[in-house]
Protein backbone atom coordinates (compact mmCIF):
# COMPACT_ATOMS: atom_id res chain seq x y z
CA MET A 1 -26.39 -22.52 20.94
CA SER A 2 -29.47 -23.49 18.92
CA ASP A 3 -29.78 -26.02 16.11
CA ASN A 4 -30.07 -23.10 13.69
CA ASP A 5 -26.64 -21.77 14.66
CA MET A 6 -24.76 -24.41 12.64
CA ILE A 7 -26.13 -25.33 9.24
CA THR A 8 -24.86 -27.15 6.16
CA ILE A 9 -25.44 -26.10 2.56
CA GLU A 10 -24.89 -28.79 -0.05
CA ALA A 11 -23.26 -27.86 -3.34
CA ASP A 12 -24.96 -28.52 -6.65
CA PRO A 13 -24.25 -32.21 -7.44
CA LYS A 14 -23.94 -31.30 -11.13
CA GLU A 15 -20.95 -29.05 -10.41
CA GLU A 16 -17.52 -30.68 -10.61
CA ARG A 17 -15.76 -30.15 -7.28
CA LEU A 18 -12.72 -31.74 -5.72
CA HIS A 19 -11.39 -31.94 -2.17
CA LEU A 20 -7.66 -32.44 -1.95
CA ALA A 21 -5.58 -33.36 1.12
CA ASP A 22 -6.61 -32.77 4.71
CA LEU A 23 -7.06 -29.03 4.44
CA PRO A 24 -7.72 -26.57 5.97
CA GLY A 25 -6.54 -28.54 9.02
CA SER A 26 -7.68 -28.47 12.63
CA GLU A 27 -6.79 -25.52 14.85
CA ALA A 28 -7.84 -27.58 17.85
CA GLU A 29 -4.89 -29.90 17.17
CA LEU A 30 -2.34 -27.18 16.39
CA SER A 31 0.56 -26.65 18.80
CA PRO A 32 1.43 -24.04 19.81
CA THR A 33 -2.06 -22.57 19.75
CA PRO A 34 -2.34 -19.48 17.53
CA ASP A 35 -3.16 -16.14 19.14
CA PHE A 36 -6.59 -15.24 17.82
CA MET A 37 -8.26 -13.18 20.57
CA PRO A 38 -8.45 -9.40 20.01
CA ARG A 39 -5.89 -7.38 21.93
CA TYR A 40 -8.08 -4.41 22.83
CA PRO A 41 -11.66 -3.57 23.89
CA GLY A 42 -14.25 -2.98 21.22
CA SER A 43 -15.32 0.53 20.26
CA GLY A 44 -18.52 -0.16 18.31
CA ARG A 45 -16.99 0.36 14.89
CA LEU A 46 -19.26 -2.29 13.33
CA ASP A 47 -22.37 -1.78 15.48
CA GLY A 48 -25.45 -3.01 13.62
CA LYS A 49 -23.46 -4.26 10.64
CA THR A 50 -23.68 -7.76 9.19
CA ALA A 51 -20.52 -9.48 8.00
CA ILE A 52 -19.94 -12.67 6.02
CA ILE A 53 -16.48 -14.09 6.73
CA THR A 54 -15.32 -17.11 4.75
CA GLY A 55 -12.70 -19.51 6.02
CA ALA A 56 -13.73 -18.32 9.48
CA ASP A 57 -13.50 -21.59 11.38
CA SER A 58 -9.80 -21.12 12.15
CA GLY A 59 -6.69 -19.07 11.52
CA ILE A 60 -7.02 -15.54 10.21
CA GLY A 61 -10.74 -16.01 9.57
CA ARG A 62 -11.40 -16.95 13.19
CA ALA A 63 -9.50 -13.89 14.44
CA ILE A 64 -11.49 -11.64 12.07
CA ALA A 65 -14.81 -13.13 13.17
CA ILE A 66 -14.11 -12.63 16.88
CA LEU A 67 -12.81 -9.09 16.36
CA PHE A 68 -15.83 -8.15 14.25
CA ALA A 69 -18.10 -9.64 16.92
CA ARG A 70 -16.35 -7.57 19.58
CA GLU A 71 -16.90 -4.48 17.44
CA GLY A 72 -20.65 -5.09 17.30
CA ALA A 73 -21.22 -6.97 14.04
CA ASN A 74 -23.59 -9.82 13.30
CA VAL A 75 -21.30 -12.56 12.01
CA ALA A 76 -21.84 -15.35 9.47
CA ILE A 77 -18.99 -17.88 9.81
CA VAL A 78 -18.57 -19.77 6.53
CA TYR A 79 -16.24 -22.77 6.42
CA LEU A 80 -15.58 -26.03 4.60
CA CYS A 81 -15.48 -28.98 6.97
CA GLU A 82 -13.78 -28.38 10.33
CA ASP A 83 -16.90 -28.50 12.52
CA GLU A 84 -15.08 -28.50 15.86
CA ASP A 85 -13.12 -25.37 14.97
CA ALA A 86 -16.22 -23.64 13.59
CA ARG A 87 -18.18 -24.43 16.75
CA LYS A 88 -15.42 -22.90 18.86
CA THR A 89 -15.31 -19.76 16.73
CA LEU A 90 -19.08 -19.47 16.98
CA GLU A 91 -18.97 -19.78 20.77
CA LEU A 92 -16.28 -17.11 20.99
CA CYS A 93 -18.29 -14.74 18.80
CA LYS A 94 -21.35 -15.26 20.98
CA ASP A 95 -19.25 -14.65 24.08
CA GLU A 96 -18.57 -11.21 22.60
CA GLY A 97 -22.33 -10.59 22.49
CA ALA A 98 -22.74 -11.07 18.76
CA ASP A 99 -25.60 -12.71 16.91
CA ALA A 100 -23.71 -15.30 14.91
CA PHE A 101 -24.16 -18.56 13.04
CA ALA A 102 -21.98 -20.94 11.06
CA ILE A 103 -22.46 -22.35 7.57
CA ALA A 104 -20.56 -25.41 6.35
CA THR A 105 -20.28 -25.53 2.56
CA ASP A 106 -17.95 -25.69 -0.43
CA LEU A 107 -17.63 -22.17 -1.81
CA GLY A 108 -16.26 -23.52 -5.07
CA SER A 109 -19.92 -24.12 -5.93
CA LYS A 110 -21.88 -21.17 -7.38
CA LYS A 111 -25.14 -22.61 -6.06
CA ALA A 112 -23.71 -22.93 -2.56
CA CYS A 113 -22.54 -19.30 -2.61
CA GLU A 114 -26.02 -18.17 -3.61
CA GLU A 115 -27.56 -20.16 -0.77
CA VAL A 116 -25.07 -18.75 1.73
CA VAL A 117 -26.17 -15.25 0.83
CA GLU A 118 -29.83 -16.23 1.05
CA ALA A 119 -29.30 -17.71 4.51
CA VAL A 120 -27.48 -14.63 5.77
CA VAL A 121 -30.06 -12.20 4.42
CA GLU A 122 -32.88 -14.29 5.85
CA ARG A 123 -31.24 -14.25 9.29
CA PHE A 124 -29.88 -10.70 9.45
CA GLY A 125 -31.81 -8.79 6.79
CA GLY A 126 -28.84 -7.67 4.69
CA ILE A 127 -25.06 -7.65 4.17
CA ASP A 128 -22.72 -4.78 5.00
CA VAL A 129 -19.30 -6.43 4.91
CA LEU A 130 -18.08 -9.34 2.80
CA VAL A 131 -14.71 -10.85 3.76
CA ASN A 132 -13.51 -13.27 1.09
CA ASN A 133 -10.86 -15.12 3.07
CA ALA A 134 -11.25 -18.85 2.32
CA GLY A 135 -8.46 -20.51 0.38
CA GLU A 136 -6.15 -23.49 0.07
CA GLN A 137 -2.63 -24.27 -1.07
CA HIS A 138 -0.67 -27.36 -2.08
CA PRO A 139 3.14 -27.32 -2.27
CA ASP A 140 4.97 -28.89 -5.19
CA ARG A 141 8.71 -29.01 -5.85
CA ASP A 142 8.27 -29.03 -9.63
CA ILE A 143 5.64 -27.40 -11.86
CA ARG A 144 5.24 -30.79 -13.54
CA ASP A 145 3.99 -32.22 -10.25
CA ILE A 146 0.90 -29.98 -10.24
CA SER A 147 -1.96 -32.17 -11.40
CA GLU A 148 -4.86 -30.89 -13.44
CA ASP A 149 -7.18 -31.69 -10.52
CA GLN A 150 -5.04 -29.70 -8.10
CA LEU A 151 -4.84 -26.72 -10.46
CA ARG A 152 -8.60 -26.69 -10.93
CA ARG A 153 -9.28 -27.05 -7.22
CA THR A 154 -6.87 -24.30 -6.15
CA PHE A 155 -8.44 -21.82 -8.56
CA GLN A 156 -11.92 -23.05 -7.64
CA SER A 157 -11.37 -22.45 -3.93
CA ASN A 158 -9.29 -19.30 -4.07
CA ILE A 159 -10.67 -17.16 -6.89
CA TYR A 160 -13.86 -18.76 -8.27
CA SER A 161 -15.34 -18.65 -4.77
CA MET A 162 -14.71 -14.90 -4.56
CA PHE A 163 -16.46 -14.31 -7.87
CA PHE A 164 -19.40 -16.54 -6.98
CA LEU A 165 -19.93 -15.11 -3.50
CA THR A 166 -19.48 -11.49 -4.56
CA GLN A 167 -21.88 -12.02 -7.45
CA ALA A 168 -24.46 -13.47 -5.08
CA ALA A 169 -23.98 -10.71 -2.50
CA ARG A 170 -23.88 -7.81 -4.96
CA GLU A 171 -27.58 -6.89 -4.88
CA HIS A 172 -27.44 -6.67 -1.08
CA LEU A 173 -24.32 -4.48 -0.95
CA LYS A 174 -25.53 -0.90 -0.63
CA GLU A 175 -23.76 2.43 -0.31
CA GLY A 176 -21.31 2.21 2.58
CA ALA A 177 -20.73 -1.53 2.21
CA ALA A 178 -17.22 -2.98 2.12
CA VAL A 179 -15.59 -5.99 0.50
CA VAL A 180 -12.24 -7.20 1.87
CA ASN A 181 -10.35 -9.94 0.04
CA THR A 182 -7.43 -12.03 1.25
CA THR A 183 -4.56 -12.03 -1.19
CA SER A 184 -0.98 -12.87 -0.14
CA ILE A 185 2.63 -11.78 -0.10
CA THR A 186 3.08 -14.48 -2.76
CA SER A 187 1.13 -12.26 -5.17
CA TYR A 188 4.01 -9.78 -4.98
CA LYS A 189 7.21 -11.80 -4.48
CA GLY A 190 6.17 -15.28 -5.63
CA GLN A 191 6.69 -18.63 -3.91
CA PRO A 192 8.62 -21.34 -5.77
CA VAL A 193 6.74 -24.30 -4.27
CA LEU A 194 3.29 -22.66 -4.42
CA LEU A 195 2.99 -21.83 -8.09
CA ASP A 196 -0.75 -22.39 -8.50
CA TYR A 197 -1.57 -20.76 -5.16
CA SER A 198 0.56 -17.71 -5.99
CA ALA A 199 -1.16 -17.42 -9.35
CA THR A 200 -4.58 -17.32 -7.67
CA LYS A 201 -3.37 -14.66 -5.25
CA GLY A 202 -2.19 -12.54 -8.17
CA ALA A 203 -5.67 -12.94 -9.64
CA ILE A 204 -7.22 -11.85 -6.34
CA THR A 205 -5.10 -8.69 -6.26
CA ALA A 206 -6.23 -7.80 -9.80
CA PHE A 207 -9.83 -8.73 -8.95
CA THR A 208 -9.72 -6.39 -5.94
CA ARG A 209 -8.44 -3.43 -7.93
CA SER A 210 -10.86 -3.98 -10.79
CA LEU A 211 -13.90 -4.49 -8.54
CA ALA A 212 -12.97 -1.38 -6.54
CA THR A 213 -12.98 0.68 -9.72
CA LYS A 214 -16.31 -0.82 -10.72
CA LEU A 215 -18.11 -0.27 -7.41
CA SER A 216 -16.66 3.02 -6.18
CA GLY A 217 -19.38 4.97 -7.95
CA ASP A 218 -21.98 3.08 -5.91
CA GLY A 219 -20.28 3.95 -2.63
CA ILE A 220 -18.95 0.41 -2.08
CA ARG A 221 -15.30 0.05 -1.12
CA VAL A 222 -13.18 -2.97 -2.10
CA ASN A 223 -9.75 -3.62 -0.61
CA ALA A 224 -7.49 -6.53 0.25
CA VAL A 225 -5.06 -7.79 2.85
CA ALA A 226 -1.87 -9.60 1.81
CA PRO A 227 -0.56 -11.56 4.82
CA GLY A 228 2.92 -12.96 5.01
CA PRO A 229 3.63 -16.18 6.96
CA ILE A 230 0.94 -16.45 9.65
CA TRP A 231 0.69 -19.28 12.19
CA THR A 232 -2.54 -21.06 11.22
CA PRO A 233 -3.47 -24.73 10.61
CA LEU A 234 -3.12 -24.38 6.83
CA ASN A 235 0.64 -24.78 6.52
CA PRO A 236 1.29 -27.59 9.04
CA ALA A 237 -1.75 -29.52 7.75
CA GLY A 238 -0.11 -29.96 4.36
CA GLY A 239 -0.04 -26.49 2.85
CA MET A 240 3.76 -26.33 3.05
CA LEU A 241 6.57 -28.84 2.60
CA PRO A 242 7.23 -30.55 5.97
CA GLU A 243 10.95 -29.75 5.93
CA LYS A 244 10.13 -26.03 5.65
CA MET A 245 7.99 -25.87 8.80
CA ASP A 246 10.84 -25.61 11.35
CA ASP A 247 11.91 -22.34 9.72
CA PHE A 248 8.39 -21.06 8.99
CA GLY A 249 8.39 -17.26 9.11
CA LYS A 250 12.04 -16.94 10.15
CA ASP A 251 13.00 -15.37 6.81
CA THR A 252 10.91 -12.25 7.55
CA PRO A 253 12.68 -9.09 8.80
CA MET A 254 10.98 -9.66 12.17
CA GLY A 255 12.31 -13.22 12.22
CA ARG A 256 9.06 -14.95 13.12
CA PRO A 257 5.63 -15.86 11.76
CA GLY A 258 2.73 -13.55 12.54
CA GLN A 259 -0.27 -14.41 14.66
CA PRO A 260 -3.88 -14.24 13.41
CA ASN A 261 -4.73 -11.44 15.84
CA GLU A 262 -1.91 -9.38 14.33
CA VAL A 263 -3.64 -9.57 10.95
CA ALA A 264 -7.33 -9.23 11.83
CA PRO A 265 -7.15 -5.49 12.66
CA ALA A 266 -6.26 -4.77 9.02
CA TYR A 267 -9.60 -6.30 8.00
CA LEU A 268 -11.45 -4.29 10.64
CA PHE A 269 -9.85 -1.07 9.41
CA LEU A 270 -10.90 -1.80 5.83
CA ALA A 271 -14.40 -2.90 6.87
CA CYS A 272 -15.30 0.12 8.98
CA GLU A 273 -15.62 3.86 8.38
CA ASP A 274 -12.03 4.47 9.48
CA SER A 275 -11.08 3.67 5.86
CA SER A 276 -13.90 5.63 4.20
CA TYR A 277 -11.52 7.21 1.64
CA ILE A 278 -9.66 4.00 0.79
CA SER A 279 -10.54 1.60 -2.03
CA GLY A 280 -8.58 -0.59 -4.41
CA GLN A 281 -5.70 -0.87 -1.95
CA VAL A 282 -3.80 -3.70 -0.23
CA ILE A 283 -2.49 -3.79 3.35
CA HIS A 284 0.62 -5.90 4.00
CA PRO A 285 0.89 -7.48 7.48
CA ASN A 286 3.92 -9.56 6.60
CA GLY A 287 6.59 -9.08 9.26
CA GLY A 288 8.35 -6.20 7.55
CA THR A 289 8.96 -7.51 4.03
CA VAL A 290 8.85 -4.57 1.61
CA VAL A 291 6.84 -5.30 -1.54
CA GLY A 292 5.47 -3.11 -4.31
CA GLY A 293 1.77 -2.24 -4.50
């Protein structure tokens, strides 16, 4: 691994940004370890493609990055601050034979998003797939407990980042390109202790549908994935109330949380030509919960 394989992009100091709690949390410290390795051999479905994957140091993002690498993509791993996790993801992508590098930055900054795109284009020559997966959540028992700082930060991380990065990538997205956004089951059924997070996920669902309508004429597909409870560092690191963790995922019809490698194939499907006639849609890997849309 060379010095150029892990870089840091500083946000514009004039932009107001916040960092709340110890999120996204370390996958290296998570027990039991999530299942993130792909379950099947690659078939070249992303050969020669370049993918940007945000929040790719751990959790669902890590599983997507490794799967895309196995399917032949060049991979840009974008993450906030968990260097150890990002380094591990990078190593695993390289083990799959991919050209990959990692970028540490705060995607709530428009300037940082622009520099991420510049770095990826400089390294790989273009962008074929953009996976907007980074996000954060902060549980609160009462709407009155949600501070102004927390509200701003949750929207900044979860929806502003998607706008900023998609804006920056737009000129490089040509016919045949794909955008895949991470929304959530909370966009459809709500979550009483994640009011601000759920609101951002509703915005992401609407953003996906609107952007799909806008870009379909240019041959660019835009879809989303709405996971249910998935075993990643986000919830145990402070993204869910501690007393809820023992029962995490048990309220699904399948009676358990999902694993990252059970979600990543939905992103692959939407990123590759298998879904060439699909845009503006949402896939729901959520353990069997039936939701509308």
